Each structure stands twice: as structure tokens, then as C-alpha cells.
């Protein structure tokens, strides 16, 4: 069985973050699931605009680590729209063997700690 593509891993991460946003009262204004198209989620909560960048991260990398230079660029874009900016890293690993790439048949383990606000 073929390992999941970068786009398929990204879509899985998007689903995880989308459910988290929805359960926390965010209203989706726009969703973009294409790789390298940012932000992935533009949401409203309490009448405030929020930009969310989603990144799928494979084991053993830490999903909480992000590129600060890239995120500063997104933050500057968010400021133009008076939006708050967040990073959502989602760690994904094969449950049976953490070092084996995920396939469509595999159970997976999620390492997601929620949104990290970029200030």
C-alpha cells in the first residue's frame, strides 16, 4: 500500500483542526485545503476575524515547532485585516510503528495540542 501523499496528510490535519475549531465556536468564512495556500482557515469568533495555518507534521518532528519567519509574514497579512493569527501543527504517526509512513489502511496517532497564537 502506498504511503499517504503530502496533500492527503494535509487533508487529514485539516479535518482534525476543523473539528477542533468547530467545537470551540469558530464560524468558517473560508477554507483552503490546498498545500502552500495560506491561511487554511479564515474564521469568525466573537465577531473577531481569525487566520489559522495548518501543518501536518510526521513523527518524530515536533508539531509545535513552526517557522517563525514564515509565520511573521502571515501575521503581517492578518494585521491588515485586523485578524488574529494562529498556527495549528498536527503530528501524525503510524500507530503500529511510529517510523513507518502512514497509508490509507493504517491506524494513526495524533499529536495535536491546539492553536498557538502568533503574537
N, C-alpha and C. Protein backbone atom coordinates (compact mmCIF):
# COMPACT_ATOMS: atom_id res chain seq x y z
N UNK A 1 0.85 -1.19 0.00
CA UNK A 1 0.00 0.00 0.00
C UNK A 1 0.89 1.25 0.00
N UNK A 2 0.53 2.21 -0.83
CA UNK A 2 1.28 3.46 -0.97
C UNK A 2 1.15 4.33 0.28
N UNK A 3 2.25 4.99 0.69
CA UNK A 3 2.15 5.96 1.79
C UNK A 3 1.23 7.12 1.37
N UNK A 4 0.62 7.75 2.35
CA UNK A 4 -0.21 8.93 2.07
C UNK A 4 0.66 10.03 1.48
N UNK A 5 0.09 10.75 0.52
CA UNK A 5 0.82 11.87 -0.09
C UNK A 5 0.84 13.05 0.89
N UNK A 6 1.65 14.03 0.58
CA UNK A 6 1.72 15.24 1.39
C UNK A 6 0.34 15.90 1.46
N UNK A 7 -0.38 15.92 0.33
CA UNK A 7 -1.72 16.51 0.29
C UNK A 7 -2.69 15.70 1.15
N UNK A 8 -2.62 14.39 1.11
CA UNK A 8 -3.52 13.55 1.93
C UNK A 8 -3.24 13.74 3.42
N UNK A 9 -1.98 13.85 3.80
CA UNK A 9 -1.64 14.12 5.21
C UNK A 9 -2.16 15.49 5.62
N UNK A 10 -2.01 16.46 4.72
CA UNK A 10 -2.50 17.82 4.98
C UNK A 10 -4.03 17.81 5.17
N UNK A 11 -4.74 17.06 4.32
CA UNK A 11 -6.20 16.98 4.44
C UNK A 11 -6.62 16.36 5.76
N UNK A 12 -5.88 15.35 6.20
CA UNK A 12 -6.16 14.72 7.49
C UNK A 12 -5.98 15.74 8.62
N UNK A 13 -4.88 16.48 8.57
CA UNK A 13 -4.63 17.52 9.57
C UNK A 13 -5.72 18.60 9.53
N UNK A 14 -6.14 18.97 8.33
CA UNK A 14 -7.21 19.97 8.18
C UNK A 14 -8.50 19.50 8.86
N UNK A 15 -8.84 18.23 8.68
CA UNK A 15 -10.05 17.68 9.30
C UNK A 15 -9.96 17.74 10.82
N UNK A 16 -8.81 17.41 11.37
CA UNK A 16 -8.61 17.42 12.82
C UNK A 16 -8.75 18.84 13.36
N UNK A 17 -8.08 19.80 12.72
CA UNK A 17 -8.14 21.19 13.16
C UNK A 17 -9.54 21.76 12.94
N UNK A 18 -10.16 21.44 11.81
CA UNK A 18 -11.52 21.94 11.53
C UNK A 18 -12.52 21.51 12.59
N UNK A 19 -12.45 20.26 13.01
CA UNK A 19 -13.35 19.77 14.07
C UNK A 19 -13.08 20.49 15.37
N UNK A 20 -11.80 20.74 15.67
CA UNK A 20 -11.44 21.46 16.89
C UNK A 20 -11.98 22.89 16.85
N UNK A 21 -11.81 23.56 15.73
CA UNK A 21 -12.31 24.94 15.59
C UNK A 21 -13.83 24.97 15.76
N UNK A 22 -14.51 24.06 15.09
CA UNK A 22 -15.97 23.99 15.15
C UNK A 22 -16.45 23.76 16.58
N UNK A 23 -15.79 22.84 17.29
CA UNK A 23 -16.21 22.53 18.67
C UNK A 23 -15.92 23.68 19.62
N UNK A 24 -15.04 24.62 19.21
CA UNK A 24 -14.71 25.77 20.04
C UNK A 24 -15.42 27.04 19.59
N UNK A 25 -16.46 26.89 18.77
CA UNK A 25 -17.31 28.02 18.43
C UNK A 25 -16.84 28.91 17.30
N UNK A 26 -15.87 28.45 16.51
CA UNK A 26 -15.43 29.24 15.36
C UNK A 26 -16.39 29.02 14.20
N UNK A 27 -16.66 30.09 13.47
CA UNK A 27 -17.53 30.03 12.29
C UNK A 27 -16.63 30.21 11.06
N UNK A 28 -16.70 29.26 10.14
CA UNK A 28 -15.84 29.29 8.97
C UNK A 28 -16.31 30.31 7.94
N UNK A 29 -15.40 31.20 7.55
CA UNK A 29 -15.66 32.17 6.49
C UNK A 29 -15.09 31.65 5.16
N UNK A 30 -13.91 31.03 5.25
CA UNK A 30 -13.25 30.46 4.08
C UNK A 30 -12.35 29.31 4.53
N UNK A 31 -12.29 28.27 3.69
CA UNK A 31 -11.44 27.12 3.96
C UNK A 31 -10.65 26.84 2.68
N UNK A 32 -9.33 26.72 2.83
CA UNK A 32 -8.48 26.41 1.69
C UNK A 32 -7.58 25.23 2.05
N UNK A 33 -7.84 24.09 1.44
CA UNK A 33 -7.09 22.89 1.80
C UNK A 33 -5.93 22.58 0.85
N UNK A 34 -5.66 23.49 -0.09
CA UNK A 34 -4.52 23.27 -0.99
C UNK A 34 -3.22 23.55 -0.26
N UNK A 35 -2.24 22.68 -0.50
CA UNK A 35 -0.92 22.88 0.10
C UNK A 35 -0.34 24.23 -0.32
N UNK A 36 0.34 24.87 0.61
CA UNK A 36 1.04 26.13 0.37
C UNK A 36 0.11 27.30 0.03
N UNK A 37 -1.18 27.15 0.29
CA UNK A 37 -2.14 28.25 0.16
C UNK A 37 -2.53 28.63 1.58
N UNK A 38 -2.19 29.85 1.97
CA UNK A 38 -2.38 30.25 3.36
C UNK A 38 -3.23 31.50 3.48
N UNK A 39 -4.00 31.66 4.54
CA UNK A 39 -4.25 30.69 5.60
C UNK A 39 -5.22 29.59 5.15
N UNK A 40 -5.23 28.48 5.90
CA UNK A 40 -6.14 27.39 5.57
C UNK A 40 -7.57 27.69 6.05
N UNK A 41 -7.66 28.30 7.21
CA UNK A 41 -8.98 28.66 7.75
C UNK A 41 -9.03 30.16 8.02
N UNK A 42 -10.10 30.78 7.57
CA UNK A 42 -10.44 32.15 7.95
C UNK A 42 -11.76 32.02 8.69
N UNK A 43 -11.74 32.40 9.97
CA UNK A 43 -12.91 32.15 10.83
C UNK A 43 -13.32 33.40 11.59
N UNK A 44 -14.54 33.36 12.06
CA UNK A 44 -15.05 34.38 12.97
C UNK A 44 -15.36 33.73 14.31
N UNK A 45 -15.01 34.42 15.38
CA UNK A 45 -15.43 34.01 16.72
C UNK A 45 -15.54 35.29 17.54
N UNK A 46 -16.66 35.45 18.19
CA UNK A 46 -16.91 36.66 18.98
C UNK A 46 -16.71 37.92 18.13
N UNK A 47 -17.18 37.87 16.89
CA UNK A 47 -17.11 38.98 15.93
C UNK A 47 -15.69 39.40 15.59
N UNK A 48 -14.70 38.54 15.88
CA UNK A 48 -13.31 38.82 15.52
C UNK A 48 -12.86 37.83 14.45
N UNK A 49 -12.03 38.33 13.53
CA UNK A 49 -11.51 37.51 12.45
C UNK A 49 -10.26 36.76 12.92
N UNK A 50 -10.14 35.50 12.49
CA UNK A 50 -9.00 34.66 12.87
C UNK A 50 -8.46 33.95 11.63
N UNK A 51 -7.13 33.97 11.48
CA UNK A 51 -6.45 33.23 10.41
C UNK A 51 -5.75 32.04 11.06
N UNK A 52 -5.93 30.85 10.48
CA UNK A 52 -5.31 29.65 11.04
C UNK A 52 -4.49 28.95 9.96
N UNK A 53 -3.22 28.72 10.26
CA UNK A 53 -2.31 27.99 9.39
C UNK A 53 -2.22 26.56 9.92
N UNK A 54 -2.48 25.58 9.06
CA UNK A 54 -2.45 24.17 9.45
C UNK A 54 -1.24 23.50 8.81
N UNK A 55 -0.53 22.71 9.61
CA UNK A 55 0.61 21.96 9.07
C UNK A 55 0.59 20.54 9.61
N UNK A 56 0.63 19.57 8.70
CA UNK A 56 0.77 18.16 9.07
C UNK A 56 2.26 17.90 9.29
N UNK A 57 2.58 17.26 10.40
CA UNK A 57 3.97 17.01 10.77
C UNK A 57 4.14 15.52 11.05
N UNK A 58 5.11 14.91 10.38
CA UNK A 58 5.35 13.48 10.58
C UNK A 58 6.29 13.22 11.74
N UNK A 59 6.07 12.10 12.42
CA UNK A 59 6.94 11.66 13.50
C UNK A 59 8.35 11.48 12.95
N UNK A 60 9.40 11.87 13.63
CA UNK A 60 9.49 12.30 15.03
C UNK A 60 9.50 13.81 15.23
N UNK A 61 9.22 14.60 14.18
CA UNK A 61 9.25 16.06 14.32
C UNK A 61 8.17 16.55 15.28
N UNK A 62 8.46 17.64 15.98
CA UNK A 62 7.54 18.22 16.95
C UNK A 62 6.54 19.14 16.24
N UNK A 63 5.24 18.81 16.31
CA UNK A 63 4.26 19.64 15.61
C UNK A 63 4.11 21.05 16.19
N UNK A 64 4.62 21.28 17.38
CA UNK A 64 4.53 22.62 17.98
C UNK A 64 5.59 23.57 17.42
N UNK A 65 6.60 23.03 16.74
CA UNK A 65 7.64 23.88 16.14
C UNK A 65 7.16 24.42 14.80
N UNK A 66 7.31 25.71 14.61
CA UNK A 66 6.92 26.32 13.33
C UNK A 66 8.01 27.26 12.88
N UNK A 67 7.95 27.64 11.62
CA UNK A 67 8.91 28.55 11.02
C UNK A 67 8.52 29.98 11.43
N UNK A 68 9.26 30.61 12.34
CA UNK A 68 8.86 31.95 12.82
C UNK A 68 8.89 33.02 11.74
N UNK A 69 9.79 32.90 10.78
CA UNK A 69 9.86 33.91 9.71
C UNK A 69 8.61 33.82 8.83
N UNK A 70 8.24 32.59 8.45
CA UNK A 70 7.03 32.39 7.65
C UNK A 70 5.80 32.87 8.42
N UNK A 71 5.71 32.50 9.69
CA UNK A 71 4.52 32.87 10.47
C UNK A 71 4.45 34.39 10.68
N UNK A 72 5.58 35.06 10.74
CA UNK A 72 5.56 36.52 10.86
C UNK A 72 4.98 37.15 9.60
N UNK A 73 5.27 36.56 8.45
CA UNK A 73 4.71 37.03 7.18
C UNK A 73 3.18 36.89 7.20
N UNK A 74 2.70 35.76 7.69
CA UNK A 74 1.25 35.53 7.79
C UNK A 74 0.64 36.49 8.81
N UNK A 75 1.35 36.71 9.92
CA UNK A 75 0.88 37.63 10.96
C UNK A 75 0.71 39.03 10.39
N UNK A 76 1.66 39.47 9.59
CA UNK A 76 1.57 40.80 8.97
C UNK A 76 0.38 40.89 8.03
N UNK A 77 0.11 39.81 7.31
CA UNK A 77 -1.08 39.75 6.45
C UNK A 77 -2.35 39.83 7.31
N UNK A 78 -2.37 39.12 8.42
CA UNK A 78 -3.53 39.12 9.31
C UNK A 78 -3.79 40.52 9.88
N UNK A 79 -2.73 41.22 10.22
CA UNK A 79 -2.87 42.56 10.80
C UNK A 79 -3.61 43.50 9.84
N UNK A 80 -3.34 43.34 8.54
CA UNK A 80 -4.02 44.18 7.53
C UNK A 80 -5.54 44.00 7.58
N UNK A 81 -5.97 42.81 8.02
CA UNK A 81 -7.40 42.50 8.10
C UNK A 81 -7.92 42.57 9.54
N UNK A 82 -7.08 43.08 10.44
CA UNK A 82 -7.42 43.15 11.86
C UNK A 82 -7.80 41.77 12.39
N UNK A 83 -7.04 40.75 11.95
CA UNK A 83 -7.31 39.37 12.35
C UNK A 83 -6.23 38.88 13.32
N UNK A 84 -6.62 37.91 14.15
CA UNK A 84 -5.66 37.22 14.99
C UNK A 84 -5.09 36.06 14.17
N UNK A 85 -3.85 35.69 14.46
CA UNK A 85 -3.15 34.68 13.65
C UNK A 85 -2.75 33.49 14.52
N UNK A 86 -3.00 32.28 14.00
CA UNK A 86 -2.70 31.06 14.75
C UNK A 86 -1.98 30.04 13.87
N UNK A 87 -1.18 29.22 14.55
CA UNK A 87 -0.54 28.06 13.93
C UNK A 87 -1.14 26.81 14.57
N UNK A 88 -1.47 25.83 13.74
CA UNK A 88 -2.01 24.56 14.23
C UNK A 88 -1.19 23.42 13.63
N UNK A 89 -0.22 22.94 14.38
CA UNK A 89 0.60 21.81 13.94
C UNK A 89 -0.04 20.51 14.40
N UNK A 90 -0.16 19.57 13.46
CA UNK A 90 -0.78 18.28 13.77
C UNK A 90 0.24 17.18 13.49
N UNK A 91 0.71 16.54 14.57
CA UNK A 91 1.62 15.41 14.43
C UNK A 91 0.84 14.16 14.08
N UNK A 92 1.29 13.45 13.05
CA UNK A 92 0.63 12.22 12.61
C UNK A 92 1.66 11.11 12.54
N UNK A 93 1.30 9.94 13.10
CA UNK A 93 2.22 8.80 13.07
C UNK A 93 1.44 7.51 12.94
N UNK A 94 2.09 6.52 12.34
CA UNK A 94 1.52 5.18 12.23
C UNK A 94 1.48 4.56 13.63
N UNK A 95 0.31 4.13 14.07
CA UNK A 95 0.15 3.60 15.42
C UNK A 95 0.98 2.34 15.65
N UNK A 96 1.06 1.47 14.65
CA UNK A 96 1.78 0.19 14.81
C UNK A 96 3.29 0.38 14.87
N UNK A 97 3.79 1.32 14.07
CA UNK A 97 5.22 1.58 14.03
C UNK A 97 5.41 3.06 13.70
N UNK A 98 5.82 3.83 14.70
CA UNK A 98 5.92 5.29 14.54
C UNK A 98 6.82 5.71 13.39
N UNK A 99 7.79 4.87 13.04
CA UNK A 99 8.74 5.22 11.98
C UNK A 99 8.31 4.79 10.59
N UNK A 100 7.14 4.16 10.47
CA UNK A 100 6.62 3.70 9.19
C UNK A 100 5.64 4.74 8.64
N UNK A 101 5.76 5.11 7.37
CA UNK A 101 4.82 6.09 6.80
C UNK A 101 3.36 5.60 6.88
N UNK A 102 2.46 6.54 7.03
CA UNK A 102 1.03 6.22 7.07
C UNK A 102 0.52 5.82 5.69
N UNK A 103 -0.38 4.85 5.66
CA UNK A 103 -1.10 4.50 4.44
C UNK A 103 -2.59 4.63 4.75
N UNK A 104 -3.44 4.48 3.75
CA UNK A 104 -4.88 4.61 3.96
C UNK A 104 -5.44 3.52 4.88
N UNK A 105 -4.73 2.40 5.00
CA UNK A 105 -5.20 1.28 5.82
C UNK A 105 -4.79 1.40 7.29
N UNK A 106 -3.81 2.24 7.58
CA UNK A 106 -3.23 2.29 8.92
C UNK A 106 -4.07 3.08 9.92
N UNK A 107 -4.01 2.61 11.17
CA UNK A 107 -4.49 3.43 12.28
C UNK A 107 -3.39 4.45 12.54
N UNK A 108 -3.78 5.62 13.02
CA UNK A 108 -2.78 6.65 13.24
C UNK A 108 -2.94 7.28 14.61
N UNK A 109 -1.85 7.83 15.09
CA UNK A 109 -1.78 8.53 16.36
C UNK A 109 -1.67 10.02 16.06
N UNK A 110 -2.40 10.81 16.83
CA UNK A 110 -2.42 12.26 16.63
C UNK A 110 -1.72 12.96 17.80
N UNK A 111 -0.87 13.91 17.47
CA UNK A 111 -0.25 14.77 18.47
C UNK A 111 -0.65 16.20 18.11
N UNK A 112 -1.74 16.66 18.72
CA UNK A 112 -2.26 18.00 18.44
C UNK A 112 -2.63 18.65 19.76
N UNK A 113 -1.96 19.75 20.05
CA UNK A 113 -2.17 20.44 21.33
C UNK A 113 -3.07 21.67 21.21
N UNK A 114 -3.60 21.91 20.01
CA UNK A 114 -4.46 23.06 19.82
C UNK A 114 -3.76 24.21 19.13
N UNK A 115 -4.44 25.34 19.09
CA UNK A 115 -3.94 26.52 18.38
C UNK A 115 -2.82 27.21 19.16
N UNK A 116 -1.83 27.69 18.43
CA UNK A 116 -0.75 28.51 19.03
C UNK A 116 -0.90 29.90 18.42
N UNK A 117 -1.21 30.89 19.26
CA UNK A 117 -1.37 32.24 18.73
C UNK A 117 -0.01 32.84 18.41
N UNK A 118 0.09 33.48 17.25
CA UNK A 118 1.31 34.16 16.83
C UNK A 118 1.15 35.62 17.20
N UNK A 119 2.01 36.09 18.09
CA UNK A 119 1.90 37.46 18.58
C UNK A 119 3.04 38.32 18.11
